[in-house]
Amino acid sequence: MTERQVRLWVLIVGTAAGFSLGCGQSPQTPKTQDLRAQSVSQKVAARAQSEQEIELERLWKDRGDQLDLNHPLQFEIRDGHAQIAWCSERIVEVPFVLRNLPYPFRGKVLDVGYRESEISYETASLGFETWGIDLRPPLVNYPGVRYVRGDIRTYSLPRQYFNVVIALSTVEHIGLMAYGSEKVDIDGDLRALQAIHGILKPSGRLLLTVPFGRLGKTSWYRIYDYRALHSLLTRARFQAEIENFWLLRGNGGWAPVPWTQAQQINSTEKVQAVACVVASLEPQQRR
């Protein structure tokens, strides 16, 4: 590089950094020039990062509901440290489902309302033939998952085909104005379980989780008490094999409790108690 090229390069770098050669300033040493060039590079990188953050923020504002997964933990920064802002019922529902999958990991699994859940990704990775059905399209096409866009109540799935059907915090929304549903069906949860009954193998199992507590309903989900939950299962010709109940504690964590305690909770503002059930077909339906 000639002396003229060197001076020209220093002039360009200096101008970008807010200074130039001449103008009464003393000549810059090579070390100073390197520091100036490094400063320019850092400023360019910071600007690019800022632009990327703005674009990501715009994307989340415009399409955040289409990109989100329902993770159990949400974090925030307080006093310079990461803190748990919210711990949802997923923290116990997901382990419950995984624990009650048949072993060895073979067979056919359907995840109802899969779109915001990672369960279908996990069952496919474990080796199950995995299907997912939802009113909305998938966020991503995960290897090994067969996606169906449709309504579990009416979509024609193979009869007596699945070893396991997972309904993780799903049936309480079906028939209400939520997650792609456009009209109200008061018995949507019952009709969903009846449809699931027809696609399970006689020896199959339903893994069901729902909000629990004082009987109630919001515009987009139902809360079941013990009587309502068992009435729903019975009317759909299911029999509960395993029942677990969890309660959101004051410290933000979840703990197992008897159903009598969980049923005292008001979950209409936010879900603070959950029921997790393994159900099979009623004995006469297994033949």
Protein backbone atom coordinates (compact mmCIF):
# COMPACT_ATOMS: atom_id res chain seq x y z
CA MET A 1 0.00 0.00 0.00
CA THR A 2 1.43 3.39 -1.01
CA GLU A 3 1.77 6.31 1.41
CA ARG A 4 -1.07 8.08 -0.37
CA GLN A 5 -3.34 5.01 0.05
CA VAL A 6 -2.46 4.82 3.73
CA ARG A 7 -3.32 8.49 4.27
CA LEU A 8 -6.59 8.05 2.35
CA TRP A 9 -7.57 5.00 4.50
CA VAL A 10 -6.79 6.90 7.71
CA LEU A 11 -8.87 9.83 6.44
CA ILE A 12 -11.88 7.55 5.76
CA VAL A 13 -11.63 5.85 9.13
CA GLY A 14 -11.13 9.14 10.92
CA THR A 15 -14.14 10.76 9.27
CA ALA A 16 -16.38 7.80 10.23
CA ALA A 17 -15.21 8.12 13.83
CA GLY A 18 -15.93 11.82 13.96
CA PHE A 19 -12.47 13.26 13.30
CA SER A 20 -10.17 13.88 10.32
CA LEU A 21 -6.50 14.50 9.65
CA GLY A 22 -5.48 18.12 9.36
CA CYS A 23 -7.80 20.65 11.06
CA GLY A 24 -5.14 21.52 13.59
CA GLN A 25 -4.95 18.01 15.13
CA SER A 26 -1.64 16.31 15.77
CA PRO A 27 -0.75 13.32 13.54
CA GLN A 28 -2.10 9.95 14.78
CA THR A 29 0.23 7.11 15.67
CA PRO A 30 -0.42 3.63 14.17
CA LYS A 31 -1.64 2.45 17.58
CA THR A 32 -4.12 5.33 17.81
CA GLN A 33 -5.29 4.64 14.27
CA ASP A 34 -5.92 0.98 15.17
CA LEU A 35 -7.96 2.02 18.21
CA ARG A 36 -9.97 4.46 16.10
CA ALA A 37 -10.66 1.78 13.47
CA GLN A 38 -11.70 -0.65 16.23
CA SER A 39 -14.06 1.97 17.65
CA VAL A 40 -15.67 2.45 14.22
CA SER A 41 -16.10 -1.31 13.86
CA GLN A 42 -17.77 -1.51 17.27
CA LYS A 43 -20.13 1.35 16.43
CA VAL A 44 -21.11 -0.30 13.13
CA ALA A 45 -21.72 -3.61 14.92
CA ALA A 46 -23.77 -1.89 17.64
CA ARG A 47 -25.88 -0.14 15.01
CA ALA A 48 -26.49 -3.41 13.18
CA GLN A 49 -27.47 -5.09 16.45
CA SER A 50 -29.83 -2.23 17.27
CA GLU A 51 -31.45 -2.51 13.83
CA GLN A 52 -31.82 -6.26 14.29
CA GLU A 53 -33.45 -5.77 17.71
CA ILE A 54 -35.88 -3.25 16.22
CA GLU A 55 -36.79 -5.70 13.47
CA LEU A 56 -37.27 -8.55 15.95
CA GLU A 57 -39.45 -6.34 18.13
CA ARG A 58 -41.55 -5.40 15.09
CA LEU A 59 -41.82 -9.05 14.10
CA TRP A 60 -42.97 -10.10 17.57
CA LYS A 61 -45.53 -7.29 17.67
CA ASP A 62 -46.90 -8.25 14.27
CA ARG A 63 -46.69 -12.03 14.50
CA GLY A 64 -45.79 -12.92 18.08
CA ASP A 65 -48.94 -14.99 18.50
CA GLN A 66 -47.81 -17.08 15.55
CA LEU A 67 -44.29 -17.65 16.83
CA ASP A 68 -44.70 -18.38 20.52
CA LEU A 69 -44.33 -21.69 22.33
CA ASN A 70 -45.96 -22.12 25.70
CA HIS A 71 -42.90 -22.50 27.88
CA PRO A 72 -43.41 -23.23 31.60
CA LEU A 73 -41.11 -20.46 32.84
CA GLN A 74 -41.05 -16.79 31.97
CA PHE A 75 -38.17 -14.63 33.18
CA GLU A 76 -37.56 -10.95 33.81
CA ILE A 77 -34.60 -8.84 34.93
CA ARG A 78 -34.95 -7.25 38.36
CA ASP A 79 -32.13 -5.44 40.16
CA GLY A 80 -29.71 -6.71 37.57
CA HIS A 81 -30.59 -10.38 38.08
CA ALA A 82 -32.81 -12.85 36.24
CA GLN A 83 -35.95 -13.69 38.21
CA ILE A 84 -38.88 -16.01 37.55
CA ALA A 85 -41.79 -13.81 36.46
CA TRP A 86 -44.31 -16.63 36.01
CA CYS A 87 -44.32 -20.41 36.31
CA SER A 88 -47.24 -22.01 34.48
CA GLU A 89 -48.83 -25.42 34.92
CA ARG A 90 -46.66 -26.73 32.05
CA ILE A 91 -43.94 -27.28 34.65
CA VAL A 92 -45.89 -30.31 35.93
CA GLU A 93 -48.04 -31.22 32.92
CA VAL A 94 -45.18 -32.00 30.56
CA PRO A 95 -43.31 -34.32 32.97
CA PHE A 96 -46.63 -36.04 33.78
CA VAL A 97 -47.22 -36.77 30.09
CA LEU A 98 -43.68 -37.99 29.45
CA ARG A 99 -43.75 -40.19 32.55
CA ASN A 100 -46.94 -41.91 31.43
CA LEU A 101 -45.97 -42.71 27.87
CA PRO A 102 -45.76 -46.46 27.18
CA TYR A 103 -42.32 -47.99 27.41
CA PRO A 104 -40.47 -49.09 25.33
CA PHE A 105 -41.03 -46.01 23.22
CA ARG A 106 -42.96 -47.53 20.35
CA GLY A 107 -46.43 -46.95 18.99
CA LYS A 108 -48.57 -44.20 17.59
CA VAL A 109 -49.15 -40.90 19.43
CA LEU A 110 -51.51 -38.05 18.62
CA ASP A 111 -51.03 -34.62 20.21
CA VAL A 112 -54.29 -32.65 20.16
CA GLY A 113 -53.75 -28.90 20.03
CA TYR A 114 -50.03 -29.31 19.44
CA ARG A 115 -49.18 -25.88 18.02
CA GLU A 116 -47.84 -24.16 21.14
CA SER A 117 -46.48 -27.32 22.74
CA GLU A 118 -43.17 -29.12 22.32
CA ILE A 119 -44.63 -32.51 23.26
CA SER A 120 -44.96 -33.65 19.65
CA TYR A 121 -41.28 -32.82 19.05
CA GLU A 122 -40.34 -34.84 22.10
CA THR A 123 -42.45 -37.91 21.34
CA ALA A 124 -41.12 -37.98 17.77
CA SER A 125 -37.58 -37.74 19.09
CA LEU A 126 -38.24 -40.62 21.51
CA GLY A 127 -39.23 -42.85 18.60
CA PHE A 128 -43.03 -42.72 18.50
CA GLU A 129 -44.95 -42.37 15.27
CA THR A 130 -46.21 -38.90 16.09
CA TRP A 131 -49.20 -37.02 14.74
CA GLY A 132 -50.43 -33.56 15.68
CA ILE A 133 -53.80 -31.96 15.03
CA ASP A 134 -54.66 -28.29 15.46
CA LEU A 135 -56.94 -25.69 13.93
CA ARG A 136 -53.85 -23.63 13.11
CA PRO A 137 -50.83 -24.47 10.95
CA PRO A 138 -47.61 -25.65 12.64
CA LEU A 139 -44.92 -23.20 13.73
CA VAL A 140 -42.27 -25.43 12.17
CA ASN A 141 -42.17 -28.77 10.40
CA TYR A 142 -40.37 -30.92 12.92
CA PRO A 143 -38.83 -34.18 11.57
CA GLY A 144 -40.95 -37.23 12.31
CA VAL A 145 -44.22 -35.38 13.03
CA ARG A 146 -47.23 -35.70 10.75
CA TYR A 147 -49.26 -32.51 10.98
CA VAL A 148 -53.00 -32.34 10.43
CA ARG A 149 -54.83 -29.04 10.25
CA GLY A 150 -58.36 -29.63 11.42
CA ASP A 151 -60.85 -29.95 14.26
CA ILE A 152 -60.51 -33.05 16.45
CA ARG A 153 -64.32 -33.13 16.78
CA THR A 154 -64.95 -33.55 13.06
CA TYR A 155 -61.72 -34.49 11.30
CA SER A 156 -61.64 -38.04 9.92
CA LEU A 157 -58.67 -39.73 11.61
CA PRO A 158 -58.07 -43.51 11.44
CA ARG A 159 -60.30 -45.37 13.90
CA GLN A 160 -58.68 -47.37 16.71
CA TYR A 161 -55.27 -46.31 15.41
CA PHE A 162 -53.45 -44.54 18.24
CA ASN A 163 -51.82 -46.06 21.30
CA VAL A 164 -51.79 -42.68 23.06
CA VAL A 165 -53.71 -39.45 22.60
CA ILE A 166 -52.35 -36.41 24.44
CA ALA A 167 -54.64 -33.50 25.30
CA LEU A 168 -52.37 -31.18 27.26
CA SER A 169 -54.37 -28.12 28.39
CA THR A 170 -56.48 -28.39 25.27
CA VAL A 171 -60.02 -29.73 25.77
CA GLU A 172 -60.93 -26.88 28.14
CA HIS A 173 -60.64 -24.51 25.14
CA ILE A 174 -62.48 -26.59 22.54
CA GLY A 175 -65.82 -25.06 21.63
CA LEU A 176 -64.94 -21.66 23.08
CA MET A 177 -63.64 -18.62 21.21
CA ALA A 178 -59.96 -19.46 21.46
CA TYR A 179 -57.02 -20.69 19.40
CA GLY A 180 -58.66 -20.51 16.00
CA SER A 181 -62.20 -21.49 17.00
CA GLU A 182 -64.80 -19.26 15.37
CA LYS A 183 -68.04 -20.35 17.03
CA VAL A 184 -69.20 -21.52 20.45
CA ASP A 185 -69.95 -25.18 21.13
CA ILE A 186 -71.02 -25.62 24.77
CA ASP A 187 -70.26 -29.36 24.64
CA GLY A 188 -67.05 -28.96 22.67
CA ASP A 189 -64.93 -30.64 25.35
CA LEU A 190 -67.27 -33.67 25.46
CA ARG A 191 -67.40 -33.99 21.68
CA ALA A 192 -63.60 -33.81 21.55
CA LEU A 193 -63.22 -36.67 24.05
CA GLN A 194 -65.83 -38.73 22.21
CA ALA A 195 -63.83 -38.31 19.00
CA ILE A 196 -60.64 -39.28 20.82
CA HIS A 197 -62.38 -42.38 22.14
CA GLY A 198 -63.02 -43.53 18.58
CA ILE A 199 -59.41 -43.21 17.39
CA LEU A 200 -57.76 -44.91 20.38
CA LYS A 201 -56.84 -48.57 20.24
CA PRO A 202 -58.85 -50.69 22.73
CA SER A 203 -55.75 -50.88 24.91
CA GLY A 204 -54.85 -47.22 24.36
CA ARG A 205 -54.65 -44.41 26.87
CA LEU A 206 -55.65 -40.78 27.05
CA LEU A 207 -53.24 -38.37 28.76
CA LEU A 208 -55.39 -35.44 29.79
CA THR A 209 -54.56 -32.23 31.68
CA VAL A 210 -57.09 -29.49 32.49
CA PRO A 211 -57.47 -26.45 34.76
CA PHE A 212 -58.87 -27.52 38.13
CA GLY A 213 -60.55 -25.78 41.06
CA ARG A 214 -63.91 -24.22 41.67
CA LEU A 215 -66.22 -25.05 38.77
CA GLY A 216 -66.26 -22.17 36.33
CA LYS A 217 -65.69 -20.86 32.82
CA THR A 218 -64.11 -17.85 31.18
CA SER A 219 -64.54 -16.71 27.59
CA TRP A 220 -61.74 -19.00 26.47
CA TYR A 221 -61.32 -21.89 28.95
CA ARG A 222 -63.26 -24.06 31.40
CA ILE A 223 -62.30 -24.94 34.98
CA TYR A 224 -63.32 -28.39 36.21
CA ASP A 225 -64.01 -29.54 39.73
CA TYR A 226 -63.78 -33.21 40.66
CA ARG A 227 -67.39 -33.99 39.84
CA ALA A 228 -67.35 -32.18 36.49
CA LEU A 229 -64.09 -33.85 35.46
CA HIS A 230 -65.37 -37.34 36.18
CA SER A 231 -68.71 -36.58 34.55
CA LEU A 232 -66.88 -35.50 31.39
CA LEU A 233 -64.80 -38.70 31.34
CA THR A 234 -67.77 -40.96 32.03
CA ARG A 235 -69.96 -39.38 29.36
CA ALA A 236 -67.15 -39.89 26.85
CA ARG A 237 -66.83 -43.54 28.04
CA PHE A 238 -63.42 -43.17 29.67
CA GLN A 239 -62.23 -44.46 33.02
CA ALA A 240 -59.58 -42.66 35.07
CA GLU A 241 -56.61 -44.88 35.95
CA ILE A 242 -54.28 -42.27 37.46
CA GLU A 243 -55.20 -38.86 38.88
CA ASN A 244 -52.73 -36.24 40.06
CA PHE A 245 -53.45 -32.71 41.21
CA TRP A 246 -51.09 -29.76 41.59
CA LEU A 247 -51.41 -26.34 43.13
CA LEU A 248 -49.56 -23.09 42.42
CA ARG A 249 -47.83 -22.04 45.64
CA GLY A 250 -47.30 -18.48 46.83
CA ASN A 251 -43.57 -18.68 46.07
CA GLY A 252 -44.30 -19.28 42.38
CA GLY A 253 -43.68 -23.04 42.35
CA TRP A 254 -46.11 -25.93 42.00
CA ALA A 255 -46.71 -28.76 44.48
CA PRO A 256 -48.81 -31.96 44.50
CA VAL A 257 -51.93 -31.75 46.68
CA PRO A 258 -55.10 -33.80 47.29
CA TRP A 259 -57.97 -32.98 44.95
CA THR A 260 -60.00 -31.73 47.90
CA GLN A 261 -57.45 -28.97 48.44
CA ALA A 262 -57.01 -28.12 44.77
CA GLN A 263 -60.78 -27.84 44.34
CA GLN A 264 -60.90 -24.84 46.68
CA ILE A 265 -58.88 -22.71 44.27
CA ASN A 266 -60.32 -20.03 42.01
CA SER A 267 -58.68 -20.41 38.61
CA THR A 268 -60.77 -17.95 36.62
CA GLU A 269 -58.22 -15.11 36.72
CA LYS A 270 -55.30 -17.42 36.02
CA VAL A 271 -54.85 -21.17 36.30
CA GLN A 272 -53.62 -21.96 39.80
CA ALA A 273 -54.54 -25.65 40.04
CA VAL A 274 -54.38 -28.43 37.48
CA ALA A 275 -55.63 -32.01 37.14
CA CYS A 276 -53.57 -34.57 35.23
CA VAL A 277 -55.26 -37.83 34.31
CA VAL A 278 -54.36 -41.10 32.63
CA ALA A 279 -57.62 -42.56 31.30
CA SER A 280 -58.44 -45.77 29.47
CA LEU A 281 -61.51 -46.96 27.62
CA GLU A 282 -64.21 -48.33 29.86
CA PRO A 283 -63.83 -52.12 30.34
CA GLN A 284 -66.67 -53.07 28.01
CA GLN A 285 -65.12 -50.94 25.27
CA ARG A 286 -61.78 -52.79 25.39
CA ARG A 287 -63.14 -56.06 24.02
